[in-house]
Amino acid sequence: MDDELKARFRQFAERWRDDETVDDSGLTGRDLKVIAARLERLVAVRYASLDELAAMTK
């Protein structure tokens, strides 16, 4: 997930009041903000083949 997408989700989450229900599952604005905060901490890990990994150790 790139930084632009994370920022757009944060903006979406911030539009909701903490106690406002987002959908019929009971998800609230506060929940969206928690999700956004966790997404911001995600770090992309690039896929590497075993050959690439082996080459890195030489």
N, C-alpha and C. Protein backbone atom coordinates (compact mmCIF):
# COMPACT_ATOMS: atom_id res chain seq x y z
N MET A 1 0.85 -1.17 0.00
CA MET A 1 0.00 0.00 0.00
C MET A 1 0.90 1.23 0.00
N ASP A 2 0.71 2.11 -0.97
CA ASP A 2 1.60 3.27 -1.05
C ASP A 2 1.13 4.39 -0.12
N ASP A 3 2.00 5.37 0.09
CA ASP A 3 1.72 6.45 1.04
C ASP A 3 0.52 7.29 0.63
N GLU A 4 0.31 7.46 -0.66
CA GLU A 4 -0.83 8.25 -1.12
C GLU A 4 -2.15 7.58 -0.74
N LEU A 5 -2.23 6.29 -0.91
CA LEU A 5 -3.44 5.55 -0.55
C LEU A 5 -3.67 5.59 0.96
N LYS A 6 -2.60 5.46 1.73
CA LYS A 6 -2.72 5.54 3.18
C LYS A 6 -3.25 6.91 3.59
N ALA A 7 -2.75 7.96 2.96
CA ALA A 7 -3.19 9.32 3.28
C ALA A 7 -4.66 9.52 2.91
N ARG A 8 -5.07 8.97 1.77
CA ARG A 8 -6.47 9.11 1.36
C ARG A 8 -7.40 8.37 2.33
N PHE A 9 -6.96 7.20 2.82
CA PHE A 9 -7.79 6.50 3.80
C PHE A 9 -7.85 7.29 5.10
N ARG A 10 -6.74 7.89 5.51
CA ARG A 10 -6.72 8.71 6.73
C ARG A 10 -7.72 9.87 6.59
N GLN A 11 -7.72 10.53 5.42
CA GLN A 11 -8.66 11.63 5.18
C GLN A 11 -10.10 11.13 5.27
N PHE A 12 -10.37 9.98 4.69
CA PHE A 12 -11.71 9.38 4.75
C PHE A 12 -12.10 9.13 6.21
N ALA A 13 -11.19 8.55 6.98
CA ALA A 13 -11.48 8.22 8.38
C ALA A 13 -11.74 9.48 9.20
N GLU A 14 -11.00 10.52 8.93
CA GLU A 14 -11.13 11.76 9.70
C GLU A 14 -12.47 12.46 9.47
N ARG A 15 -13.16 12.13 8.39
CA ARG A 15 -14.46 12.76 8.11
C ARG A 15 -15.56 12.25 9.03
N TRP A 16 -15.34 11.16 9.71
CA TRP A 16 -16.35 10.57 10.58
C TRP A 16 -16.13 10.99 12.03
N ARG A 17 -17.22 11.29 12.73
CA ARG A 17 -17.13 11.51 14.18
C ARG A 17 -16.80 10.18 14.85
N ASP A 18 -16.12 10.22 15.98
CA ASP A 18 -15.71 8.99 16.66
C ASP A 18 -16.89 8.07 16.97
N ASP A 19 -18.00 8.64 17.38
CA ASP A 19 -19.15 7.82 17.79
C ASP A 19 -20.15 7.57 16.65
N GLU A 20 -19.84 8.03 15.47
CA GLU A 20 -20.74 7.87 14.32
C GLU A 20 -20.61 6.46 13.75
N THR A 21 -21.74 5.80 13.53
CA THR A 21 -21.75 4.46 12.95
C THR A 21 -21.53 4.56 11.45
N VAL A 22 -20.58 3.80 10.95
CA VAL A 22 -20.20 3.86 9.54
C VAL A 22 -21.07 2.92 8.70
N ASP A 23 -21.35 1.74 9.23
CA ASP A 23 -22.18 0.78 8.49
C ASP A 23 -22.99 -0.06 9.47
N ASP A 24 -23.77 -0.98 8.95
CA ASP A 24 -24.65 -1.77 9.81
C ASP A 24 -23.94 -2.85 10.62
N SER A 25 -22.62 -2.98 10.46
CA SER A 25 -21.87 -3.95 11.26
C SER A 25 -21.47 -3.38 12.62
N GLY A 26 -21.67 -2.09 12.79
CA GLY A 26 -21.30 -1.45 14.05
C GLY A 26 -19.97 -0.73 13.99
N LEU A 27 -19.32 -0.74 12.84
CA LEU A 27 -18.05 -0.03 12.66
C LEU A 27 -18.28 1.46 12.89
N THR A 28 -17.38 2.10 13.64
CA THR A 28 -17.54 3.52 13.96
C THR A 28 -16.40 4.35 13.39
N GLY A 29 -16.55 5.64 13.47
CA GLY A 29 -15.49 6.54 13.04
C GLY A 29 -14.21 6.30 13.82
N ARG A 30 -14.36 6.00 15.10
CA ARG A 30 -13.17 5.70 15.92
C ARG A 30 -12.45 4.47 15.38
N ASP A 31 -13.22 3.45 14.97
CA ASP A 31 -12.62 2.24 14.39
C ASP A 31 -11.84 2.57 13.12
N LEU A 32 -12.42 3.41 12.27
CA LEU A 32 -11.73 3.79 11.04
C LEU A 32 -10.41 4.49 11.33
N LYS A 33 -10.39 5.32 12.37
CA LYS A 33 -9.17 6.04 12.72
C LYS A 33 -8.10 5.08 13.25
N VAL A 34 -8.52 4.06 13.99
CA VAL A 34 -7.58 3.05 14.47
C VAL A 34 -7.00 2.28 13.28
N ILE A 35 -7.87 1.90 12.35
CA ILE A 35 -7.42 1.19 11.15
C ILE A 35 -6.44 2.05 10.37
N ALA A 36 -6.77 3.34 10.20
CA ALA A 36 -5.89 4.24 9.46
C ALA A 36 -4.52 4.34 10.13
N ALA A 37 -4.49 4.42 11.45
CA ALA A 37 -3.22 4.51 12.17
C ALA A 37 -2.39 3.24 11.96
N ARG A 38 -3.04 2.11 11.95
CA ARG A 38 -2.30 0.85 11.75
C ARG A 38 -1.80 0.74 10.32
N LEU A 39 -2.61 1.19 9.36
CA LEU A 39 -2.18 1.17 7.97
C LEU A 39 -0.95 2.05 7.75
N GLU A 40 -0.91 3.19 8.45
CA GLU A 40 0.23 4.10 8.30
C GLU A 40 1.54 3.45 8.75
N ARG A 41 1.45 2.48 9.64
CA ARG A 41 2.67 1.81 10.14
C ARG A 41 3.09 0.64 9.27
N LEU A 42 2.25 0.27 8.29
CA LEU A 42 2.61 -0.84 7.41
C LEU A 42 3.81 -0.48 6.55
N VAL A 43 4.66 -1.44 6.38
CA VAL A 43 5.84 -1.26 5.53
C VAL A 43 5.78 -2.34 4.45
N ALA A 44 5.94 -1.92 3.23
CA ALA A 44 5.92 -2.88 2.12
C ALA A 44 7.19 -3.71 2.15
N VAL A 45 7.03 -4.99 1.96
CA VAL A 45 8.17 -5.89 1.88
C VAL A 45 8.21 -6.43 0.46
N ARG A 46 9.30 -6.18 -0.20
CA ARG A 46 9.44 -6.60 -1.59
C ARG A 46 9.63 -8.10 -1.66
N TYR A 47 8.99 -8.72 -2.61
CA TYR A 47 9.15 -10.16 -2.84
C TYR A 47 10.52 -10.40 -3.46
N ALA A 48 11.22 -11.38 -2.97
CA ALA A 48 12.51 -11.77 -3.54
C ALA A 48 12.52 -13.27 -3.75
N SER A 49 13.03 -13.69 -4.88
CA SER A 49 13.13 -15.12 -5.15
C SER A 49 14.29 -15.70 -4.35
N LEU A 50 14.34 -17.01 -4.28
CA LEU A 50 15.45 -17.65 -3.57
C LEU A 50 16.78 -17.34 -4.24
N ASP A 51 16.79 -17.23 -5.56
CA ASP A 51 18.03 -16.88 -6.28
C ASP A 51 18.51 -15.49 -5.87
N GLU A 52 17.59 -14.55 -5.77
CA GLU A 52 17.96 -13.20 -5.35
C GLU A 52 18.49 -13.18 -3.93
N LEU A 53 17.84 -13.93 -3.05
CA LEU A 53 18.30 -14.00 -1.67
C LEU A 53 19.70 -14.61 -1.58
N ALA A 54 19.92 -15.65 -2.35
CA ALA A 54 21.24 -16.28 -2.35
C ALA A 54 22.30 -15.32 -2.85
N ALA A 55 21.97 -14.54 -3.87
CA ALA A 55 22.94 -13.57 -4.42
C ALA A 55 23.27 -12.49 -3.40
N MET A 56 22.32 -12.17 -2.52
CA MET A 56 22.55 -11.12 -1.51
C MET A 56 23.54 -11.58 -0.44
N THR A 57 23.66 -12.87 -0.25
CA THR A 57 24.52 -13.38 0.81
C THR A 57 25.95 -13.62 0.35
N LYS A 58 26.20 -13.45 -0.94
CA LYS A 58 27.56 -13.70 -1.47
C LYS A 58 28.41 -12.48 -1.34
